[in-house]
Amino acid sequence: MLRTLFLIVCILSFSKLSFAQVRATTESGNKVLLFDNGTWQYEEKLVNAVEKADVPVAVVVAATIVVDSSKTVATEPIDLLYLPSPRLVKYFGESGGYIRCKMSCSNSQGTVKILLMWEFPVLDGNRYFGMFKEGSLVTFTMEDGQKVEVIMGDENALDYYKSTNYSRISNATMPLTPTQIAALCAQPCRKMEVGWRKNPEEYDIESTHLLMDTLPTVF
């Protein structure tokens, strides 16, 4: 890949192009930016760090988001992730520290929300994580590095299941804006940081296309 980039840079240098940067695609499909000083950089990294003047994808798409205010619909909860929590691993080890997050989306006469349901392999999951406070943040990191913050509402619920020895904390977001909806529908979602009352945690999302596939069905 580097040899290919070197050849491209040489060609551009000899042709005396005056552009500050040129977009190119490597043999492996990665998009890069070539600079007239002979250096190069992955385009995604530069967009996140430097090209703040570019219009984010979410803003462009937001203009097309129209929520049907006559709808009242909710999707079935689907697994978003199932993996170890650093906090639970600390107390119960790798095998006993797994948590599950299920997600559903809803539209109640034009009000679109995301419901997150967290399941813990202990009866007192709230002891380790605390209940969601109204106003707590959940931050989704999209594939291109864009971060989308959603605010949790006041629909806190805590359920205990003694027969299977687990507990569940659930809460819905505040109503999503068209810009938030557009950003979450525009590309896969890779990570989420959850603002638990007892310190936040970040998780890799396993069902990376779930928001893209589910949100459009409710609005």
C-alpha atoms as a PDB file:
ATOM      1  CA  MET A   1       0.000   0.000   0.000  1.00  0.00           C
ATOM      2  CA  LEU A   2       2.817   2.438   0.860  1.00  0.00           C
ATOM      3  CA  ARG A   3       4.515   1.745  -2.496  1.00  0.00           C
ATOM      4  CA  THR A   4       1.269   2.595  -4.287  1.00  0.00           C
ATOM      5  CA  LEU A   5       0.956   5.828  -2.310  1.00  0.00           C
ATOM      6  CA  PHE A   6       4.580   6.731  -3.096  1.00  0.00           C
ATOM      7  CA  LEU A   7       3.965   6.334  -6.828  1.00  0.00           C
ATOM      8  CA  ILE A   8       0.839   8.474  -6.674  1.00  0.00           C
ATOM      9  CA  VAL A   9       2.663  11.201  -4.767  1.00  0.00           C
ATOM     10  CA  CYS A  10       5.520  11.180  -7.293  1.00  0.00           C
ATOM     11  CA  ILE A  11       3.137  11.524 -10.228  1.00  0.00           C
ATOM     12  CA  LEU A  12       1.370  14.433  -8.575  1.00  0.00           C
ATOM     13  CA  SER A  13       4.672  16.123  -7.760  1.00  0.00           C
ATOM     14  CA  PHE A  14       5.976  15.930 -11.338  1.00  0.00           C
ATOM     15  CA  SER A  15       2.736  17.250 -12.763  1.00  0.00           C
ATOM     16  CA  LYS A  16       3.147  20.296 -10.465  1.00  0.00           C
ATOM     17  CA  LEU A  17      -0.430  20.287  -9.242  1.00  0.00           C
ATOM     18  CA  SER A  18      -1.091  23.134  -6.845  1.00  0.00           C
ATOM     19  CA  PHE A  19      -3.858  21.538  -4.791  1.00  0.00           C
ATOM     20  CA  ALA A  20      -3.303  21.512  -1.019  1.00  0.00           C
ATOM     21  CA  GLN A  21      -4.597  17.955  -0.839  1.00  0.00           C
ATOM     22  CA  VAL A  22      -5.812  15.215  -3.174  1.00  0.00           C
ATOM     23  CA  ARG A  23      -8.121  12.334  -2.309  1.00  0.00           C
ATOM     24  CA  ALA A  24      -7.049   8.873  -3.433  1.00  0.00           C
ATOM     25  CA  THR A  25      -8.029   5.251  -2.870  1.00  0.00           C
ATOM     26  CA  THR A  26      -5.438   2.573  -2.149  1.00  0.00           C
ATOM     27  CA  GLU A  27      -5.479  -0.976  -3.534  1.00  0.00           C
ATOM     28  CA  SER A  28      -7.015  -2.181  -0.268  1.00  0.00           C
ATOM     29  CA  GLY A  29      -9.868   0.310  -0.537  1.00  0.00           C
ATOM     30  CA  ASN A  30      -8.737   2.785   2.148  1.00  0.00           C
ATOM     31  CA  LYS A  31      -9.360   6.442   1.363  1.00  0.00           C
ATOM     32  CA  VAL A  32      -6.376   8.722   1.925  1.00  0.00           C
ATOM     33  CA  LEU A  33      -5.433  12.357   1.453  1.00  0.00           C
ATOM     34  CA  LEU A  34      -2.216  13.217  -0.441  1.00  0.00           C
ATOM     35  CA  PHE A  35      -0.517  16.520   0.340  1.00  0.00           C
ATOM     36  CA  ASP A  36       1.756  18.544  -1.933  1.00  0.00           C
ATOM     37  CA  ASN A  37       4.635  18.208   0.560  1.00  0.00           C
ATOM     38  CA  GLY A  38       4.807  14.461  -0.155  1.00  0.00           C
ATOM     39  CA  THR A  39       2.982  13.271   2.992  1.00  0.00           C
ATOM     40  CA  TRP A  40      -0.302  11.388   3.243  1.00  0.00           C
ATOM     41  CA  GLN A  41      -2.939  10.596   5.863  1.00  0.00           C
ATOM     42  CA  TYR A  42      -6.048   8.453   6.157  1.00  0.00           C
ATOM     43  CA  GLU A  43      -9.008  10.631   5.234  1.00  0.00           C
ATOM     44  CA  GLU A  44     -11.103   9.542   8.241  1.00  0.00           C
ATOM     45  CA  LYS A  45      -8.462  10.745  10.715  1.00  0.00           C
ATOM     46  CA  LEU A  46      -8.134  14.130   9.057  1.00  0.00           C
ATOM     47  CA  VAL A  47     -11.880  14.648   8.869  1.00  0.00           C
ATOM     48  CA  ASN A  48     -12.210  13.999  12.588  1.00  0.00           C
ATOM     49  CA  ALA A  49      -9.290  16.199  13.611  1.00  0.00           C
ATOM     50  CA  VAL A  50      -8.963  18.970  11.035  1.00  0.00           C
ATOM     51  CA  GLU A  51     -11.699  19.366   8.446  1.00  0.00           C
ATOM     52  CA  LYS A  52     -14.206  21.002  10.769  1.00  0.00           C
ATOM     53  CA  ALA A  53     -15.500  23.159   7.926  1.00  0.00           C
ATOM     54  CA  ASP A  54     -16.919  20.133   6.116  1.00  0.00           C
ATOM     55  CA  VAL A  55     -20.646  19.625   6.679  1.00  0.00           C
ATOM     56  CA  PRO A  56     -21.254  16.470   8.767  1.00  0.00           C
ATOM     57  CA  VAL A  57     -23.224  13.682   7.108  1.00  0.00           C
ATOM     58  CA  ALA A  58     -25.950  13.964   9.746  1.00  0.00           C
ATOM     59  CA  VAL A  59     -26.637  17.613   8.970  1.00  0.00           C
ATOM     60  CA  VAL A  60     -26.994  16.886   5.267  1.00  0.00           C
ATOM     61  CA  VAL A  61     -29.365  13.989   5.834  1.00  0.00           C
ATOM     62  CA  ALA A  62     -31.368  15.723   8.568  1.00  0.00           C
ATOM     63  CA  ALA A  63     -33.251  17.817   6.030  1.00  0.00           C
ATOM     64  CA  THR A  64     -34.868  14.647   4.665  1.00  0.00           C
ATOM     65  CA  ILE A  65     -36.027  13.303   8.039  1.00  0.00           C
ATOM     66  CA  VAL A  66     -39.796  13.651   8.382  1.00  0.00           C
ATOM     67  CA  VAL A  67     -41.374  11.937  11.388  1.00  0.00           C
ATOM     68  CA  ASP A  68     -44.911  10.637  10.944  1.00  0.00           C
ATOM     69  CA  SER A  69     -46.901  12.184  13.797  1.00  0.00           C
ATOM     70  CA  SER A  70     -49.834   9.844  13.198  1.00  0.00           C
ATOM     71  CA  LYS A  71     -47.810   6.752  14.086  1.00  0.00           C
ATOM     72  CA  THR A  72     -47.697   4.902  17.398  1.00  0.00           C
ATOM     73  CA  VAL A  73     -45.271   2.018  17.016  1.00  0.00           C
ATOM     74  CA  ALA A  74     -42.446   0.304  18.899  1.00  0.00           C
ATOM     75  CA  THR A  75     -39.981  -2.329  17.758  1.00  0.00           C
ATOM     76  CA  GLU A  76     -39.203  -5.537  19.612  1.00  0.00           C
ATOM     77  CA  PRO A  77     -36.087  -5.378  21.846  1.00  0.00           C
ATOM     78  CA  ILE A  78     -33.015  -6.741  20.037  1.00  0.00           C
ATOM     79  CA  ASP A  79     -29.536  -7.403  21.401  1.00  0.00           C
ATOM     80  CA  LEU A  80     -27.199  -4.480  20.820  1.00  0.00           C
ATOM     81  CA  LEU A  81     -24.267  -5.999  22.707  1.00  0.00           C
ATOM     82  CA  TYR A  82     -23.346  -8.814  25.082  1.00  0.00           C
ATOM     83  CA  LEU A  83     -19.839  -8.506  26.488  1.00  0.00           C
ATOM     84  CA  PRO A  84     -17.821  -8.080  29.682  1.00  0.00           C
ATOM     85  CA  SER A  85     -18.252  -4.938  31.750  1.00  0.00           C
ATOM     86  CA  PRO A  86     -14.968  -3.699  33.253  1.00  0.00           C
ATOM     87  CA  ARG A  87     -16.770  -3.009  36.519  1.00  0.00           C
ATOM     88  CA  LEU A  88     -18.346  -6.451  36.854  1.00  0.00           C
ATOM     89  CA  VAL A  89     -15.181  -8.233  35.706  1.00  0.00           C
ATOM     90  CA  LYS A  90     -13.395  -6.551  38.604  1.00  0.00           C
ATOM     91  CA  TYR A  91     -15.693  -8.312  41.072  1.00  0.00           C
ATOM     92  CA  PHE A  92     -16.752 -11.512  39.301  1.00  0.00           C
ATOM     93  CA  GLY A  93     -14.031 -12.253  36.761  1.00  0.00           C
ATOM     94  CA  GLU A  94     -14.263 -12.477  32.981  1.00  0.00           C
ATOM     95  CA  SER A  95     -16.829 -15.262  32.862  1.00  0.00           C
ATOM     96  CA  GLY A  96     -19.124 -13.676  35.446  1.00  0.00           C
ATOM     97  CA  GLY A  97     -18.848 -10.087  34.262  1.00  0.00           C
ATOM     98  CA  TYR A  98     -20.935 -10.126  31.093  1.00  0.00           C
ATOM     99  CA  ILE A  99     -23.755  -7.639  30.604  1.00  0.00           C
ATOM    100  CA  ARG A 100     -26.376  -7.500  27.890  1.00  0.00           C
ATOM    101  CA  CYS A 101     -27.963  -4.440  26.316  1.00  0.00           C
ATOM    102  CA  LYS A 102     -31.168  -4.724  24.323  1.00  0.00           C
ATOM    103  CA  MET A 103     -32.548  -1.854  22.298  1.00  0.00           C
ATOM    104  CA  SER A 104     -35.904  -0.911  20.866  1.00  0.00           C
ATOM    105  CA  CYS A 105     -37.099   2.193  19.057  1.00  0.00           C
ATOM    106  CA  SER A 106     -40.492   3.856  19.257  1.00  0.00           C
ATOM    107  CA  ASN A 107     -42.567   6.599  17.720  1.00  0.00           C
ATOM    108  CA  SER A 108     -45.467   7.933  19.753  1.00  0.00           C
ATOM    109  CA  GLN A 109     -47.311  10.414  17.546  1.00  0.00           C
ATOM    110  CA  GLY A 110     -44.145  12.057  16.335  1.00  0.00           C
ATOM    111  CA  THR A 111     -42.003  11.548  19.445  1.00  0.00           C
ATOM    112  CA  VAL A 112     -39.134   9.199  18.573  1.00  0.00           C
ATOM    113  CA  LYS A 113     -37.162   7.562  21.400  1.00  0.00           C
ATOM    114  CA  ILE A 114     -34.628   4.784  21.962  1.00  0.00           C
ATOM    115  CA  LEU A 115     -35.207   2.388  24.851  1.00  0.00           C
ATOM    116  CA  LEU A 116     -32.132   0.703  26.350  1.00  0.00           C
ATOM    117  CA  MET A 117     -32.520  -2.348  28.597  1.00  0.00           C
ATOM    118  CA  TRP A 118     -29.431  -3.473  30.520  1.00  0.00           C
ATOM    119  CA  GLU A 119     -29.326  -6.970  31.996  1.00  0.00           C
ATOM    120  CA  PHE A 120     -26.854  -7.942  34.723  1.00  0.00           C
ATOM    121  CA  PRO A 121     -25.966 -11.446  36.015  1.00  0.00           C
ATOM    122  CA  VAL A 122     -26.598 -10.301  39.599  1.00  0.00           C
ATOM    123  CA  LEU A 123     -29.759  -9.390  41.505  1.00  0.00           C
ATOM    124  CA  ASP A 124     -28.441  -5.971  42.493  1.00  0.00           C
ATOM    125  CA  GLY A 125     -27.126  -4.509  39.237  1.00  0.00           C
ATOM    126  CA  ASN A 126     -28.070  -1.056  40.489  1.00  0.00           C
ATOM    127  CA  ARG A 127     -25.520  -1.493  43.289  1.00  0.00           C
ATOM    128  CA  TYR A 128     -22.684  -1.624  40.762  1.00  0.00           C
ATOM    129  CA  PHE A 129     -23.950   0.858  38.183  1.00  0.00           C
ATOM    130  CA  GLY A 130     -26.595   3.014  39.835  1.00  0.00           C
ATOM    131  CA  MET A 131     -29.846   4.074  38.242  1.00  0.00           C
ATOM    132  CA  PHE A 132     -29.829   6.368  35.249  1.00  0.00           C
ATOM    133  CA  LYS A 133     -30.323   9.932  36.308  1.00  0.00           C
ATOM    134  CA  GLU A 134     -32.528  12.092  34.130  1.00  0.00           C
ATOM    135  CA  GLY A 135     -30.161  14.015  31.881  1.00  0.00           C
ATOM    136  CA  SER A 136     -27.491  11.284  31.806  1.00  0.00           C
ATOM    137  CA  LEU A 137     -25.717  10.963  28.474  1.00  0.00           C
ATOM    138  CA  VAL A 138     -25.265   8.007  26.181  1.00  0.00           C
ATOM    139  CA  THR A 139     -22.754   8.759  23.421  1.00  0.00           C
ATOM    140  CA  PHE A 140     -22.722   6.711  20.233  1.00  0.00           C
ATOM    141  CA  THR A 141     -19.540   6.716  18.147  1.00  0.00           C
ATOM    142  CA  MET A 142     -20.289   6.240  14.470  1.00  0.00           C
ATOM    143  CA  GLU A 143     -18.084   4.516  11.922  1.00  0.00           C
ATOM    144  CA  ASP A 144     -16.420   7.745  10.779  1.00  0.00           C
ATOM    145  CA  GLY A 145     -15.694   8.812  14.363  1.00  0.00           C
ATOM    146  CA  GLN A 146     -18.625  11.216  14.647  1.00  0.00           C
ATOM    147  CA  LYS A 147     -20.132  11.217  18.150  1.00  0.00           C
ATOM    148  CA  VAL A 148     -23.888  11.427  18.667  1.00  0.00           C
ATOM    149  CA  GLU A 149     -25.060  12.248  22.189  1.00  0.00           C
ATOM    150  CA  VAL A 150     -28.541  11.300  23.361  1.00  0.00           C
ATOM    151  CA  ILE A 151     -30.008  12.354  26.698  1.00  0.00           C
ATOM    152  CA  MET A 152     -31.765   9.870  28.951  1.00  0.00           C
ATOM    153  CA  GLY A 153     -35.215  10.765  30.234  1.00  0.00           C
ATOM    154  CA  ASP A 154     -37.062  10.035  33.482  1.00  0.00           C
ATOM    155  CA  GLU A 155     -38.463   6.585  32.614  1.00  0.00           C
ATOM    156  CA  ASN A 156     -36.113   4.673  34.922  1.00  0.00           C
ATOM    157  CA  ALA A 157     -37.125   1.109  35.751  1.00  0.00           C
ATOM    158  CA  LEU A 158     -35.433  -1.572  37.847  1.00  0.00           C
ATOM    159  CA  ASP A 159     -36.551  -5.205  37.695  1.00  0.00           C
ATOM    160  CA  TYR A 160     -35.354  -8.251  39.673  1.00  0.00           C
ATOM    161  CA  TYR A 161     -35.576 -11.853  38.447  1.00  0.00           C
ATOM    162  CA  LYS A 162     -34.777 -14.112  41.391  1.00  0.00           C
ATOM    163  CA  SER A 163     -35.520 -17.340  39.549  1.00  0.00           C
ATOM    164  CA  THR A 164     -32.744 -16.673  37.055  1.00  0.00           C
ATOM    165  CA  ASN A 165     -30.574 -14.494  39.332  1.00  0.00           C
ATOM    166  CA  TYR A 166     -30.351 -11.353  37.229  1.00  0.00           C
ATOM    167  CA  SER A 167     -31.584  -7.774  37.278  1.00  0.00           C
ATOM    168  CA  ARG A 168     -32.441  -5.243  34.605  1.00  0.00           C
ATOM    169  CA  ILE A 169     -32.223  -1.461  34.410  1.00  0.00           C
ATOM    170  CA  SER A 170     -34.058   0.243  31.576  1.00  0.00           C
ATOM    171  CA  ASN A 171     -34.631   3.785  30.469  1.00  0.00           C
ATOM    172  CA  ALA A 172     -35.674   5.672  27.352  1.00  0.00           C
ATOM    173  CA  THR A 173     -34.009   8.669  25.811  1.00  0.00           C
ATOM    174  CA  MET A 174     -35.494  12.110  25.596  1.00  0.00           C
ATOM    175  CA  PRO A 175     -37.218  12.686  22.217  1.00  0.00           C
ATOM    176  CA  LEU A 176     -34.670  12.500  19.416  1.00  0.00           C
ATOM    177  CA  THR A 177     -34.172  15.475  17.119  1.00  0.00           C
ATOM    178  CA  PRO A 178     -34.188  15.056  13.320  1.00  0.00           C
ATOM    179  CA  THR A 179     -30.428  15.662  13.326  1.00  0.00           C
ATOM    180  CA  GLN A 180     -29.852  12.902  15.902  1.00  0.00           C
ATOM    181  CA  ILE A 181     -32.105  10.516  13.982  1.00  0.00           C
ATOM    182  CA  ALA A 182     -30.311  11.274  10.724  1.00  0.00           C
ATOM    183  CA  ALA A 183     -26.861  10.766  12.254  1.00  0.00           C
ATOM    184  CA  LEU A 184     -27.830   7.436  13.809  1.00  0.00           C
ATOM    185  CA  CYS A 185     -29.362   6.200  10.545  1.00  0.00           C
ATOM    186  CA  ALA A 186     -26.545   7.353   8.269  1.00  0.00           C
ATOM    187  CA  GLN A 187     -23.827   4.807   9.088  1.00  0.00           C
ATOM    188  CA  PRO A 188     -22.922   1.879  11.366  1.00  0.00           C
ATOM    189  CA  CYS A 189     -22.436   2.551  15.055  1.00  0.00           C
ATOM    190  CA  ARG A 190     -19.232   1.181  16.578  1.00  0.00           C
ATOM    191  CA  LYS A 191     -19.152   2.175  20.263  1.00  0.00           C
ATOM    192  CA  MET A 192     -21.318   3.599  23.006  1.00  0.00           C
ATOM    193  CA  GLU A 193     -20.310   5.355  26.205  1.00  0.00           C
ATOM    194  CA  VAL A 194     -22.891   5.103  28.961  1.00  0.00           C
ATOM    195  CA  GLY A 195     -23.051   7.736  31.673  1.00  0.00           C
ATOM    196  CA  TRP A 196     -23.766   5.415  34.573  1.00  0.00           C
ATOM    197  CA  ARG A 197     -24.235   7.190  37.892  1.00  0.00           C
ATOM    198  CA  LYS A 198     -21.221   5.278  39.253  1.00  0.00           C
ATOM    199  CA  ASN A 199     -18.760   6.314  36.533  1.00  0.00           C
ATOM    200  CA  PRO A 200     -19.237   5.867  32.774  1.00  0.00           C
ATOM    201  CA  GLU A 201     -18.202   2.846  30.740  1.00  0.00           C
ATOM    202  CA  GLU A 202     -17.577   2.473  27.013  1.00  0.00           C
ATOM    203  CA  TYR A 203     -18.585  -0.644  25.095  1.00  0.00           C
ATOM    204  CA  ASP A 204     -18.014  -1.982  21.597  1.00  0.00           C
ATOM    205  CA  ILE A 205     -21.313  -2.403  19.790  1.00  0.00           C
ATOM    206  CA  GLU A 206     -21.735  -5.838  18.264  1.00  0.00           C
ATOM    207  CA  SER A 207     -24.910  -5.181  16.252  1.00  0.00           C
ATOM    208  CA  THR A 208     -23.372  -2.244  14.428  1.00  0.00           C
ATOM    209  CA  HIS A 209     -26.239  -1.845  11.921  1.00  0.00           C
ATOM    210  CA  LEU A 210     -29.092  -2.172  14.409  1.00  0.00           C
ATOM    211  CA  LEU A 211     -29.845   1.550  14.706  1.00  0.00           C
ATOM    212  CA  MET A 212     -29.569   1.996  10.932  1.00  0.00           C
ATOM    213  CA  ASP A 213     -32.030  -0.840  10.362  1.00  0.00           C
ATOM    214  CA  THR A 214     -34.457  -0.163  13.212  1.00  0.00           C
ATOM    215  CA  LEU A 215     -34.926   3.597  13.493  1.00  0.00           C
ATOM    216  CA  PRO A 216     -36.269   4.073   9.940  1.00  0.00           C
ATOM    217  CA  THR A 217     -39.065   1.583  10.622  1.00  0.00           C
ATOM    218  CA  VAL A 218     -40.639   3.802  13.296  1.00  0.00           C
ATOM    219  CA  PHE A 219     -40.524   7.287  11.836  1.00  0.00           C
END
